[in-house]
């Protein structure tokens, strides 16, 4: 749970324990570079020192611990890009779903006078066709919509009678349920499912680094290596313009400025796939609770 003191302590205790055992690999933090940079800029000001208790989260605690143990700390950034990313996503969707040019329908096609004259018939037949095919569910939805537009307690909630208060609550819950039914698919698909895939791939990429290092002595690759062979080959490109080193390729990883990278830690220490006792390195992923089960499923069933 973001910003929860219990979550912060659990992250710190987990990283401390793994570091003391010598099995701490990389620490992957669920955050984007824009949000992270904004937070760091505020913390580096006098005002930020006053706001530090508010801005301190399990993500910040995890990165601080990783840096203190000289371990790689990176941002797994599914929503990187801010409004620029939003504009590009919308533009790409429009280019595919609403193309224009020779051979395509034009605005004039939609405003054909003959269609406009007959439009009232379409407006009437469209809901009636739903009612004919699915009378019970359609009638229920239409009844809720009608009730939401006509019911009114006529007074403030605090001054209303018990009956009016109950009616207002039922009305609000019905409207919220209708909104969830219409927007739930979009929220689950974009805010959870798509982000889970990006996060899972970045976690997997860190595991691959240690797996490759451990298995580099022989021809056979480890399970992570075999799984990632199917993905596009990575390329390395560094961009420190905004204070973060970005590795662009099959993952979307941003190493923090004070953090070493996983590959550089291998160059410095040799094979870091395991500790002196033969225990494998462990990659710590600090995620919101809503992502945990979905990402675990993607990794367990090798869906990424």
C-alpha atoms as a PDB file:
ATOM      1  CA  UNK A   1       0.000   0.000   0.000  1.00  0.00           C
ATOM      2  CA  UNK A   2       1.619   3.226  -1.181  1.00  0.00           C
ATOM      3  CA  UNK A   3       2.998   5.547   1.536  1.00  0.00           C
ATOM      4  CA  UNK A   4       1.882   3.138   4.277  1.00  0.00           C
ATOM      5  CA  UNK A   5       4.415   3.006   7.166  1.00  0.00           C
ATOM      6  CA  UNK A   6       3.960  -0.764   7.424  1.00  0.00           C
ATOM      7  CA  UNK A   7       4.787  -1.164   3.732  1.00  0.00           C
ATOM      8  CA  UNK A   8       7.847   1.060   4.088  1.00  0.00           C
ATOM      9  CA  UNK A   9       9.172  -0.975   7.028  1.00  0.00           C
ATOM     10  CA  UNK A  10       8.527  -4.264   5.233  1.00  0.00           C
ATOM     11  CA  UNK A  11      10.495  -3.069   2.209  1.00  0.00           C
ATOM     12  CA  UNK A  12      13.405  -1.901   4.361  1.00  0.00           C
ATOM     13  CA  UNK A  13      13.477  -5.106   6.430  1.00  0.00           C
ATOM     14  CA  UNK A  14      13.325  -7.313   3.327  1.00  0.00           C
ATOM     15  CA  UNK A  15      16.167  -5.530   1.554  1.00  0.00           C
ATOM     16  CA  UNK A  16      18.264  -5.443   4.749  1.00  0.00           C
ATOM     17  CA  UNK A  17      17.816  -9.191   5.254  1.00  0.00           C
ATOM     18  CA  UNK A  18      18.727 -10.092   1.664  1.00  0.00           C
ATOM     19  CA  UNK A  19      21.732  -7.761   1.678  1.00  0.00           C
ATOM     20  CA  UNK A  20      23.074  -9.245   4.915  1.00  0.00           C
ATOM     21  CA  UNK A  21      22.722 -12.737   3.436  1.00  0.00           C
ATOM     22  CA  UNK A  22      24.606 -11.612   0.321  1.00  0.00           C
ATOM     23  CA  UNK A  23      21.799 -12.514  -2.090  1.00  0.00           C
ATOM     24  CA  UNK A  24      20.410  -9.055  -2.902  1.00  0.00           C
ATOM     25  CA  UNK A  25      20.315  -8.551  -6.663  1.00  0.00           C
ATOM     26  CA  UNK A  26      18.532  -5.586  -8.232  1.00  0.00           C
ATOM     27  CA  UNK A  27      15.720  -3.551  -6.697  1.00  0.00           C
ATOM     28  CA  UNK A  28      12.934  -2.750  -9.160  1.00  0.00           C
ATOM     29  CA  UNK A  29      10.644   0.136  -8.211  1.00  0.00           C
ATOM     30  CA  UNK A  30       7.226   0.731  -9.751  1.00  0.00           C
ATOM     31  CA  UNK A  31       7.495   4.374 -10.742  1.00  0.00           C
ATOM     32  CA  UNK A  32       8.021   6.498 -13.837  1.00  0.00           C
ATOM     33  CA  UNK A  33      10.880   8.915 -14.417  1.00  0.00           C
ATOM     34  CA  UNK A  34       8.615  11.981 -14.576  1.00  0.00           C
ATOM     35  CA  UNK A  35       7.007  11.339 -11.190  1.00  0.00           C
ATOM     36  CA  UNK A  36      10.334  10.322  -9.676  1.00  0.00           C
ATOM     37  CA  UNK A  37      12.217  13.384 -10.934  1.00  0.00           C
ATOM     38  CA  UNK A  38       9.466  15.693  -9.714  1.00  0.00           C
ATOM     39  CA  UNK A  39       9.609  14.178  -6.247  1.00  0.00           C
ATOM     40  CA  UNK A  40      13.411  14.402  -6.111  1.00  0.00           C
ATOM     41  CA  UNK A  41      13.376  18.030  -7.253  1.00  0.00           C
ATOM     42  CA  UNK A  42      10.943  18.938  -4.484  1.00  0.00           C
ATOM     43  CA  UNK A  43      12.966  17.052  -1.844  1.00  0.00           C
ATOM     44  CA  UNK A  44      16.085  18.999  -2.822  1.00  0.00           C
ATOM     45  CA  UNK A  45      14.461  22.326  -1.880  1.00  0.00           C
ATOM     46  CA  UNK A  46      13.869  23.866   1.571  1.00  0.00           C
ATOM     47  CA  UNK A  47      10.159  23.263   1.084  1.00  0.00           C
ATOM     48  CA  UNK A  48      10.923  19.628   0.325  1.00  0.00           C
ATOM     49  CA  UNK A  49      12.542  19.112   3.712  1.00  0.00           C
ATOM     50  CA  UNK A  50       9.263  20.104   5.342  1.00  0.00           C
ATOM     51  CA  UNK A  51       7.333  17.811   2.987  1.00  0.00           C
ATOM     52  CA  UNK A  52       9.723  14.863   3.348  1.00  0.00           C
ATOM     53  CA  UNK A  53       7.431  12.912   5.729  1.00  0.00           C
ATOM     54  CA  UNK A  54       4.629  13.258   3.165  1.00  0.00           C
ATOM     55  CA  UNK A  55       6.717  12.345   0.112  1.00  0.00           C
ATOM     56  CA  UNK A  56       8.546   9.406   1.677  1.00  0.00           C
ATOM     57  CA  UNK A  57       7.153   6.169   0.255  1.00  0.00           C
ATOM     58  CA  UNK A  58       8.141   2.528   0.053  1.00  0.00           C
ATOM     59  CA  UNK A  59       9.538   3.283  -3.422  1.00  0.00           C
ATOM     60  CA  UNK A  60      11.898   5.945  -2.075  1.00  0.00           C
ATOM     61  CA  UNK A  61      12.843   3.732   0.884  1.00  0.00           C
ATOM     62  CA  UNK A  62      13.651   0.838  -1.468  1.00  0.00           C
ATOM     63  CA  UNK A  63      15.857   2.956  -3.723  1.00  0.00           C
ATOM     64  CA  UNK A  64      17.721   4.446  -0.753  1.00  0.00           C
ATOM     65  CA  UNK A  65      18.384   0.982   0.676  1.00  0.00           C
ATOM     66  CA  UNK A  66      19.590  -0.344  -2.696  1.00  0.00           C
ATOM     67  CA  UNK A  67      21.995   2.557  -3.153  1.00  0.00           C
ATOM     68  CA  UNK A  68      23.305   2.181   0.403  1.00  0.00           C
ATOM     69  CA  UNK A  69      24.160  -1.471  -0.341  1.00  0.00           C
ATOM     70  CA  UNK A  70      25.637  -0.545  -3.735  1.00  0.00           C
ATOM     71  CA  UNK A  71      23.048  -2.605  -5.573  1.00  0.00           C
ATOM     72  CA  UNK A  72      21.253  -1.696  -8.826  1.00  0.00           C
ATOM     73  CA  UNK A  73      18.055   0.325  -8.323  1.00  0.00           C
ATOM     74  CA  UNK A  74      15.874   1.031 -11.324  1.00  0.00           C
ATOM     75  CA  UNK A  75      12.476   2.412 -12.147  1.00  0.00           C
ATOM     76  CA  UNK A  76      10.072   0.137 -13.954  1.00  0.00           C
ATOM     77  CA  UNK A  77       8.077   2.794 -15.721  1.00  0.00           C
ATOM     78  CA  UNK A  78       4.836   1.638 -17.382  1.00  0.00           C
ATOM     79  CA  UNK A  79       3.454   5.164 -17.657  1.00  0.00           C
ATOM     80  CA  UNK A  80       6.651   6.936 -18.625  1.00  0.00           C
ATOM     81  CA  UNK A  81       6.205  10.013 -20.786  1.00  0.00           C
ATOM     82  CA  UNK A  82       3.440  12.041 -19.124  1.00  0.00           C
ATOM     83  CA  UNK A  83       1.247  14.074 -21.474  1.00  0.00           C
ATOM     84  CA  UNK A  84       3.632  13.438 -24.357  1.00  0.00           C
ATOM     85  CA  UNK A  85       3.076   9.696 -24.011  1.00  0.00           C
ATOM     86  CA  UNK A  86      -0.687  10.291 -23.719  1.00  0.00           C
ATOM     87  CA  UNK A  87      -0.672  12.349 -26.937  1.00  0.00           C
ATOM     88  CA  UNK A  88       1.347   9.728 -28.815  1.00  0.00           C
ATOM     89  CA  UNK A  89      -0.941   6.905 -27.646  1.00  0.00           C
ATOM     90  CA  UNK A  90      -4.055   8.800 -28.735  1.00  0.00           C
ATOM     91  CA  UNK A  91      -2.459   9.785 -32.036  1.00  0.00           C
ATOM     92  CA  UNK A  92      -1.491   6.183 -32.800  1.00  0.00           C
ATOM     93  CA  UNK A  93      -4.989   4.969 -31.944  1.00  0.00           C
ATOM     94  CA  UNK A  94      -6.589   7.644 -34.132  1.00  0.00           C
ATOM     95  CA  UNK A  95      -4.280   6.814 -37.044  1.00  0.00           C
ATOM     96  CA  UNK A  96      -5.376   3.178 -36.904  1.00  0.00           C
ATOM     97  CA  UNK A  97      -9.046   3.520 -35.957  1.00  0.00           C
ATOM     98  CA  UNK A  98      -9.917   6.796 -37.732  1.00  0.00           C
ATOM     99  CA  UNK A  99      -7.801   6.986 -40.882  1.00  0.00           C
ATOM    100  CA  UNK A 100      -8.324   9.750 -43.408  1.00  0.00           C
ATOM    101  CA  UNK A 101      -7.402  10.242 -47.036  1.00  0.00           C
ATOM    102  CA  UNK A 102      -8.432   9.006 -50.477  1.00  0.00           C
ATOM    103  CA  UNK A 103     -10.814   6.063 -50.384  1.00  0.00           C
ATOM    104  CA  UNK A 104     -11.950   6.660 -46.762  1.00  0.00           C
ATOM    105  CA  UNK A 105     -15.218   8.138 -45.563  1.00  0.00           C
ATOM    106  CA  UNK A 106     -15.150  11.902 -45.089  1.00  0.00           C
ATOM    107  CA  UNK A 107     -17.070  14.116 -42.626  1.00  0.00           C
ATOM    108  CA  UNK A 108     -19.446  14.832 -45.496  1.00  0.00           C
ATOM    109  CA  UNK A 109     -20.400  11.144 -45.521  1.00  0.00           C
ATOM    110  CA  UNK A 110     -21.543  11.325 -41.906  1.00  0.00           C
ATOM    111  CA  UNK A 111     -23.590  14.484 -42.524  1.00  0.00           C
ATOM    112  CA  UNK A 112     -25.369  13.245 -45.632  1.00  0.00           C
ATOM    113  CA  UNK A 113     -28.776  15.015 -45.639  1.00  0.00           C
ATOM    114  CA  UNK A 114     -30.635  11.791 -46.336  1.00  0.00           C
ATOM    115  CA  UNK A 115     -29.053  10.143 -43.286  1.00  0.00           C
ATOM    116  CA  UNK A 116     -29.767  13.134 -41.067  1.00  0.00           C
ATOM    117  CA  UNK A 117     -33.443  13.223 -42.055  1.00  0.00           C
ATOM    118  CA  UNK A 118     -33.838   9.555 -41.125  1.00  0.00           C
ATOM    119  CA  UNK A 119     -31.663   9.801 -37.997  1.00  0.00           C
ATOM    120  CA  UNK A 120     -34.642   9.917 -35.547  1.00  0.00           C
ATOM    121  CA  UNK A 121     -35.663   6.472 -36.766  1.00  0.00           C
ATOM    122  CA  UNK A 122     -32.177   5.159 -35.958  1.00  0.00           C
ATOM    123  CA  UNK A 123     -32.237   6.758 -32.514  1.00  0.00           C
ATOM    124  CA  UNK A 124     -35.507   4.999 -31.752  1.00  0.00           C
ATOM    125  CA  UNK A 125     -34.712   1.621 -33.285  1.00  0.00           C
ATOM    126  CA  UNK A 126     -31.244   1.297 -31.764  1.00  0.00           C
ATOM    127  CA  UNK A 127     -32.356   0.928 -28.109  1.00  0.00           C
ATOM    128  CA  UNK A 128     -35.459  -0.992 -29.216  1.00  0.00           C
ATOM    129  CA  UNK A 129     -33.245  -3.537 -30.952  1.00  0.00           C
ATOM    130  CA  UNK A 130     -31.358  -4.099 -27.688  1.00  0.00           C
ATOM    131  CA  UNK A 131     -34.677  -4.421 -25.885  1.00  0.00           C
ATOM    132  CA  UNK A 132     -35.880  -7.001 -28.397  1.00  0.00           C
ATOM    133  CA  UNK A 133     -32.759  -9.135 -28.089  1.00  0.00           C
ATOM    134  CA  UNK A 134     -32.180  -8.783 -24.335  1.00  0.00           C
ATOM    135  CA  UNK A 135     -35.394  -7.485 -22.777  1.00  0.00           C
ATOM    136  CA  UNK A 136     -34.574  -8.034 -19.086  1.00  0.00           C
ATOM    137  CA  UNK A 137     -31.045  -6.610 -18.939  1.00  0.00           C
ATOM    138  CA  UNK A 138     -31.847  -3.742 -21.306  1.00  0.00           C
ATOM    139  CA  UNK A 139     -34.963  -2.790 -19.342  1.00  0.00           C
ATOM    140  CA  UNK A 140     -32.950  -2.816 -16.116  1.00  0.00           C
ATOM    141  CA  UNK A 141     -30.269  -0.505 -17.532  1.00  0.00           C
ATOM    142  CA  UNK A 142     -32.828   1.881 -19.062  1.00  0.00           C
ATOM    143  CA  UNK A 143     -34.770   1.970 -15.795  1.00  0.00           C
ATOM    144  CA  UNK A 144     -31.647   2.870 -13.825  1.00  0.00           C
ATOM    145  CA  UNK A 145     -30.735   5.606 -16.285  1.00  0.00           C
ATOM    146  CA  UNK A 146     -34.260   6.998 -16.175  1.00  0.00           C
ATOM    147  CA  UNK A 147     -34.300   6.926 -12.382  1.00  0.00           C
ATOM    148  CA  UNK A 148     -30.955   8.705 -12.171  1.00  0.00           C
ATOM    149  CA  UNK A 149     -32.224  11.552 -14.334  1.00  0.00           C
ATOM    150  CA  UNK A 150     -35.554  11.997 -12.565  1.00  0.00           C
ATOM    151  CA  UNK A 151     -34.979  11.233  -8.869  1.00  0.00           C
ATOM    152  CA  UNK A 152     -34.171  14.266  -6.756  1.00  0.00           C
ATOM    153  CA  UNK A 153     -34.425  14.654  -3.023  1.00  0.00           C
ATOM    154  CA  UNK A 154     -35.070  18.367  -3.447  1.00  0.00           C
ATOM    155  CA  UNK A 155     -32.948  19.367  -0.419  1.00  0.00           C
ATOM    156  CA  UNK A 156     -29.475  19.097   1.017  1.00  0.00           C
ATOM    157  CA  UNK A 157     -28.469  15.648   2.265  1.00  0.00           C
ATOM    158  CA  UNK A 158     -28.005  16.795   5.849  1.00  0.00           C
ATOM    159  CA  UNK A 159     -31.480  18.393   5.950  1.00  0.00           C
ATOM    160  CA  UNK A 160     -33.236  15.563   4.114  1.00  0.00           C
ATOM    161  CA  UNK A 161     -35.458  12.989   5.711  1.00  0.00           C
ATOM    162  CA  UNK A 162     -34.228   9.442   6.243  1.00  0.00           C
ATOM    163  CA  UNK A 163     -36.177   8.275   3.220  1.00  0.00           C
ATOM    164  CA  UNK A 164     -34.626  10.988   1.033  1.00  0.00           C
ATOM    165  CA  UNK A 165     -31.138  10.172   2.330  1.00  0.00           C
ATOM    166  CA  UNK A 166     -31.552   6.472   1.549  1.00  0.00           C
ATOM    167  CA  UNK A 167     -32.883   7.362  -1.892  1.00  0.00           C
ATOM    168  CA  UNK A 168     -29.893   9.618  -2.518  1.00  0.00           C
ATOM    169  CA  UNK A 169     -27.444   6.907  -1.454  1.00  0.00           C
ATOM    170  CA  UNK A 170     -29.130   4.311  -3.659  1.00  0.00           C
ATOM    171  CA  UNK A 171     -29.035   6.742  -6.554  1.00  0.00           C
ATOM    172  CA  UNK A 172     -25.309   7.400  -6.065  1.00  0.00           C
ATOM    173  CA  UNK A 173     -24.497   3.693  -5.798  1.00  0.00           C
ATOM    174  CA  UNK A 174     -26.508   2.913  -8.915  1.00  0.00           C
ATOM    175  CA  UNK A 175     -24.710   5.619 -10.862  1.00  0.00           C
ATOM    176  CA  UNK A 176     -21.320   4.392  -9.609  1.00  0.00           C
ATOM    177  CA  UNK A 177     -22.209   0.830 -10.598  1.00  0.00           C
ATOM    178  CA  UNK A 178     -23.227   1.944 -14.070  1.00  0.00           C
ATOM    179  CA  UNK A 179     -19.971   3.880 -14.457  1.00  0.00           C
ATOM    180  CA  UNK A 180     -17.944   0.854 -13.370  1.00  0.00           C
ATOM    181  CA  UNK A 181     -19.792  -1.396 -15.804  1.00  0.00           C
ATOM    182  CA  UNK A 182     -19.042   0.966 -18.686  1.00  0.00           C
ATOM    183  CA  UNK A 183     -15.485   1.958 -17.746  1.00  0.00           C
ATOM    184  CA  UNK A 184     -14.329  -1.149 -15.873  1.00  0.00           C
ATOM    185  CA  UNK A 185     -12.913  -2.841 -18.951  1.00  0.00           C
ATOM    186  CA  UNK A 186     -10.874   0.232 -19.869  1.00  0.00           C
ATOM    187  CA  UNK A 187      -9.550   0.628 -16.321  1.00  0.00           C
ATOM    188  CA  UNK A 188      -8.611  -3.030 -15.929  1.00  0.00           C
ATOM    189  CA  UNK A 189      -7.046  -3.276 -19.379  1.00  0.00           C
ATOM    190  CA  UNK A 190      -5.013  -0.051 -19.360  1.00  0.00           C
ATOM    191  CA  UNK A 191      -4.293   0.593 -15.683  1.00  0.00           C
ATOM    192  CA  UNK A 192      -3.660  -3.014 -14.673  1.00  0.00           C
ATOM    193  CA  UNK A 193      -3.231  -5.536 -17.478  1.00  0.00           C
ATOM    194  CA  UNK A 194      -1.004  -3.486 -19.787  1.00  0.00           C
ATOM    195  CA  UNK A 195       1.052  -2.070 -16.923  1.00  0.00           C
ATOM    196  CA  UNK A 196       1.475  -5.570 -15.475  1.00  0.00           C
ATOM    197  CA  UNK A 197       3.058  -6.755 -18.719  1.00  0.00           C
ATOM    198  CA  UNK A 198       5.588  -3.904 -18.733  1.00  0.00           C
ATOM    199  CA  UNK A 199       6.421  -4.388 -15.061  1.00  0.00           C
ATOM    200  CA  UNK A 200       6.760  -8.158 -15.441  1.00  0.00           C
ATOM    201  CA  UNK A 201       9.080  -7.796 -18.430  1.00  0.00           C
ATOM    202  CA  UNK A 202      11.339  -5.394 -16.547  1.00  0.00           C
ATOM    203  CA  UNK A 203      11.508  -7.700 -13.538  1.00  0.00           C
ATOM    204  CA  UNK A 204      12.245 -10.594 -15.863  1.00  0.00           C
ATOM    205  CA  UNK A 205      14.999  -8.599 -17.542  1.00  0.00           C
ATOM    206  CA  UNK A 206      16.772  -8.096 -14.226  1.00  0.00           C
ATOM    207  CA  UNK A 207      16.468 -11.821 -13.479  1.00  0.00           C
ATOM    208  CA  UNK A 208      17.901 -12.550 -16.909  1.00  0.00           C
ATOM    209  CA  UNK A 209      21.006 -10.497 -16.143  1.00  0.00           C
ATOM    210  CA  UNK A 210      21.867 -12.616 -13.115  1.00  0.00           C
ATOM    211  CA  UNK A 211      20.850 -15.844 -14.823  1.00  0.00           C
ATOM    212  CA  UNK A 212      23.108 -15.055 -17.793  1.00  0.00           C
ATOM    213  CA  UNK A 213      25.977 -14.183 -15.479  1.00  0.00           C
ATOM    214  CA  UNK A 214      25.585 -17.414 -13.519  1.00  0.00           C
ATOM    215  CA  UNK A 215      25.345 -19.554 -16.638  1.00  0.00           C
ATOM    216  CA  UNK A 216      28.051 -17.788 -18.670  1.00  0.00           C
ATOM    217  CA  UNK A 217      30.569 -20.533 -17.905  1.00  0.00           C
ATOM    218  CA  UNK A 218      28.779 -23.089 -20.087  1.00  0.00           C
ATOM    219  CA  UNK A 219      26.896 -23.332 -23.328  1.00  0.00           C
ATOM    220  CA  UNK A 220      23.517 -24.072 -21.728  1.00  0.00           C
ATOM    221  CA  UNK A 221      21.442 -21.094 -20.737  1.00  0.00           C
ATOM    222  CA  UNK A 222      19.337 -20.816 -17.631  1.00  0.00           C
ATOM    223  CA  UNK A 223      15.520 -20.755 -17.682  1.00  0.00           C
ATOM    224  CA  UNK A 224      15.350 -16.959 -17.711  1.00  0.00           C
ATOM    225  CA  UNK A 225      17.757 -16.814 -20.652  1.00  0.00           C
ATOM    226  CA  UNK A 226      15.765 -19.339 -22.663  1.00  0.00           C
ATOM    227  CA  UNK A 227      12.535 -17.476 -21.963  1.00  0.00           C
ATOM    228  CA  UNK A 228      13.931 -14.114 -22.989  1.00  0.00           C
ATOM    229  CA  UNK A 229      15.572 -15.411 -26.164  1.00  0.00           C
ATOM    230  CA  UNK A 230      12.136 -15.120 -27.758  1.00  0.00           C
ATOM    231  CA  UNK A 231      12.043 -11.388 -27.063  1.00  0.00           C
ATOM    232  CA  UNK A 232      13.656  -8.796 -29.287  1.00  0.00           C
ATOM    233  CA  UNK A 233      17.377  -8.270 -28.661  1.00  0.00           C
ATOM    234  CA  UNK A 234      18.203  -5.411 -26.350  1.00  0.00           C
ATOM    235  CA  UNK A 235      20.137  -2.367 -27.364  1.00  0.00           C
ATOM    236  CA  UNK A 236      21.860   0.020 -24.995  1.00  0.00           C
ATOM    237  CA  UNK A 237      21.383   3.759 -25.170  1.00  0.00           C
ATOM    238  CA  UNK A 238      22.006   6.155 -22.318  1.00  0.00           C
ATOM    239  CA  UNK A 239      20.095   9.380 -21.829  1.00  0.00           C
ATOM    240  CA  UNK A 240      21.065  11.414 -18.778  1.00  0.00           C
ATOM    241  CA  UNK A 241      19.320  14.624 -19.812  1.00  0.00           C
ATOM    242  CA  UNK A 242      16.824  14.345 -16.946  1.00  0.00           C
ATOM    243  CA  UNK A 243      19.135  12.717 -14.442  1.00  0.00           C
ATOM    244  CA  UNK A 244      18.267   9.091 -15.208  1.00  0.00           C
ATOM    245  CA  UNK A 245      20.194   6.562 -17.290  1.00  0.00           C
ATOM    246  CA  UNK A 246      17.720   4.931 -19.618  1.00  0.00           C
ATOM    247  CA  UNK A 247      18.348   1.582 -21.227  1.00  0.00           C
ATOM    248  CA  UNK A 248      16.129   1.368 -24.287  1.00  0.00           C
ATOM    249  CA  UNK A 249      15.285  -2.046 -25.703  1.00  0.00           C
ATOM    250  CA  UNK A 250      13.080  -4.936 -24.678  1.00  0.00           C
ATOM    251  CA  UNK A 251      12.680  -3.382 -21.234  1.00  0.00           C
ATOM    252  CA  UNK A 252      11.908   0.145 -20.104  1.00  0.00           C
ATOM    253  CA  UNK A 253      14.456   0.470 -17.305  1.00  0.00           C
ATOM    254  CA  UNK A 254      15.718   3.691 -15.753  1.00  0.00           C
ATOM    255  CA  UNK A 255      18.635   3.321 -13.362  1.00  0.00           C
ATOM    256  CA  UNK A 256      18.729   5.935 -10.627  1.00  0.00           C
ATOM    257  CA  UNK A 257      21.590   8.466 -10.766  1.00  0.00           C
ATOM    258  CA  UNK A 258      23.375   7.180  -7.629  1.00  0.00           C
ATOM    259  CA  UNK A 259      22.776   3.544  -8.498  1.00  0.00           C
ATOM    260  CA  UNK A 260      25.070   1.172 -10.316  1.00  0.00           C
ATOM    261  CA  UNK A 261      23.555  -0.819 -13.175  1.00  0.00           C
ATOM    262  CA  UNK A 262      23.134  -4.560 -12.990  1.00  0.00           C
ATOM    263  CA  UNK A 263      25.528  -5.098 -15.882  1.00  0.00           C
ATOM    264  CA  UNK A 264      28.194  -2.837 -14.348  1.00  0.00           C
ATOM    265  CA  UNK A 265      27.912  -4.721 -11.053  1.00  0.00           C
ATOM    266  CA  UNK A 266      28.683  -7.921 -12.959  1.00  0.00           C
ATOM    267  CA  UNK A 267      31.702  -6.273 -14.619  1.00  0.00           C
ATOM    268  CA  UNK A 268      32.988  -5.119 -11.239  1.00  0.00           C
ATOM    269  CA  UNK A 269      32.367  -8.300  -9.263  1.00  0.00           C
ATOM    270  CA  UNK A 270      32.534 -11.022 -11.888  1.00  0.00           C
ATOM    271  CA  UNK A 271      29.825 -13.653 -11.654  1.00  0.00           C
ATOM    272  CA  UNK A 272      27.187 -12.312  -9.302  1.00  0.00           C
ATOM    273  CA  UNK A 273      24.529 -14.930  -9.980  1.00  0.00           C
ATOM    274  CA  UNK A 274      24.995 -16.395  -6.493  1.00  0.00           C
ATOM    275  CA  UNK A 275      26.703 -15.692  -3.172  1.00  0.00           C
ATOM    276  CA  UNK A 276      29.538 -17.595  -1.500  1.00  0.00           C
ATOM    277  CA  UNK A 277      27.087 -20.223  -0.223  1.00  0.00           C
ATOM    278  CA  UNK A 278      25.710 -20.910  -3.688  1.00  0.00           C
ATOM    279  CA  UNK A 279      22.403 -19.123  -3.063  1.00  0.00           C
ATOM    280  CA  UNK A 280      20.929 -17.417  -6.128  1.00  0.00           C
ATOM    281  CA  UNK A 281      20.651 -13.650  -6.231  1.00  0.00           C
ATOM    282  CA  UNK A 282      17.148 -12.323  -5.557  1.00  0.00           C
ATOM    283  CA  UNK A 283      15.542  -9.449  -7.453  1.00  0.00           C
ATOM    284  CA  UNK A 284      13.266  -7.356  -5.232  1.00  0.00           C
ATOM    285  CA  UNK A 285      10.257  -5.754  -6.917  1.00  0.00           C
ATOM    286  CA  UNK A 286       8.418  -3.031  -4.988  1.00  0.00           C
ATOM    287  CA  UNK A 287       4.904  -2.879  -6.436  1.00  0.00           C
ATOM    288  CA  UNK A 288       1.437  -1.675  -5.573  1.00  0.00           C
ATOM    289  CA  UNK A 289      -0.795  -4.420  -4.198  1.00  0.00           C
ATOM    290  CA  UNK A 290      -3.106  -4.223  -7.219  1.00  0.00           C
ATOM    291  CA  UNK A 291      -0.261  -5.406  -9.471  1.00  0.00           C
ATOM    292  CA  UNK A 292       1.177  -8.214  -7.348  1.00  0.00           C
ATOM    293  CA  UNK A 293      -1.091 -11.121  -8.276  1.00  0.00           C
ATOM    294  CA  UNK A 294      -1.247 -10.254 -11.965  1.00  0.00           C
ATOM    295  CA  UNK A 295       2.528  -9.912 -12.307  1.00  0.00           C
ATOM    296  CA  UNK A 296       3.074 -13.108 -10.334  1.00  0.00           C
ATOM    297  CA  UNK A 297       0.757 -14.947 -12.750  1.00  0.00           C
ATOM    298  CA  UNK A 298       2.599 -13.565 -15.797  1.00  0.00           C
ATOM    299  CA  UNK A 299       5.961 -14.697 -14.419  1.00  0.00           C
ATOM    300  CA  UNK A 300       4.834 -18.075 -13.073  1.00  0.00           C
ATOM    301  CA  UNK A 301       3.058 -19.063 -16.287  1.00  0.00           C
ATOM    302  CA  UNK A 302       5.714 -17.495 -18.539  1.00  0.00           C
ATOM    303  CA  UNK A 303       3.218 -15.244 -20.300  1.00  0.00           C
ATOM    304  CA  UNK A 304       5.745 -12.477 -20.995  1.00  0.00           C
END
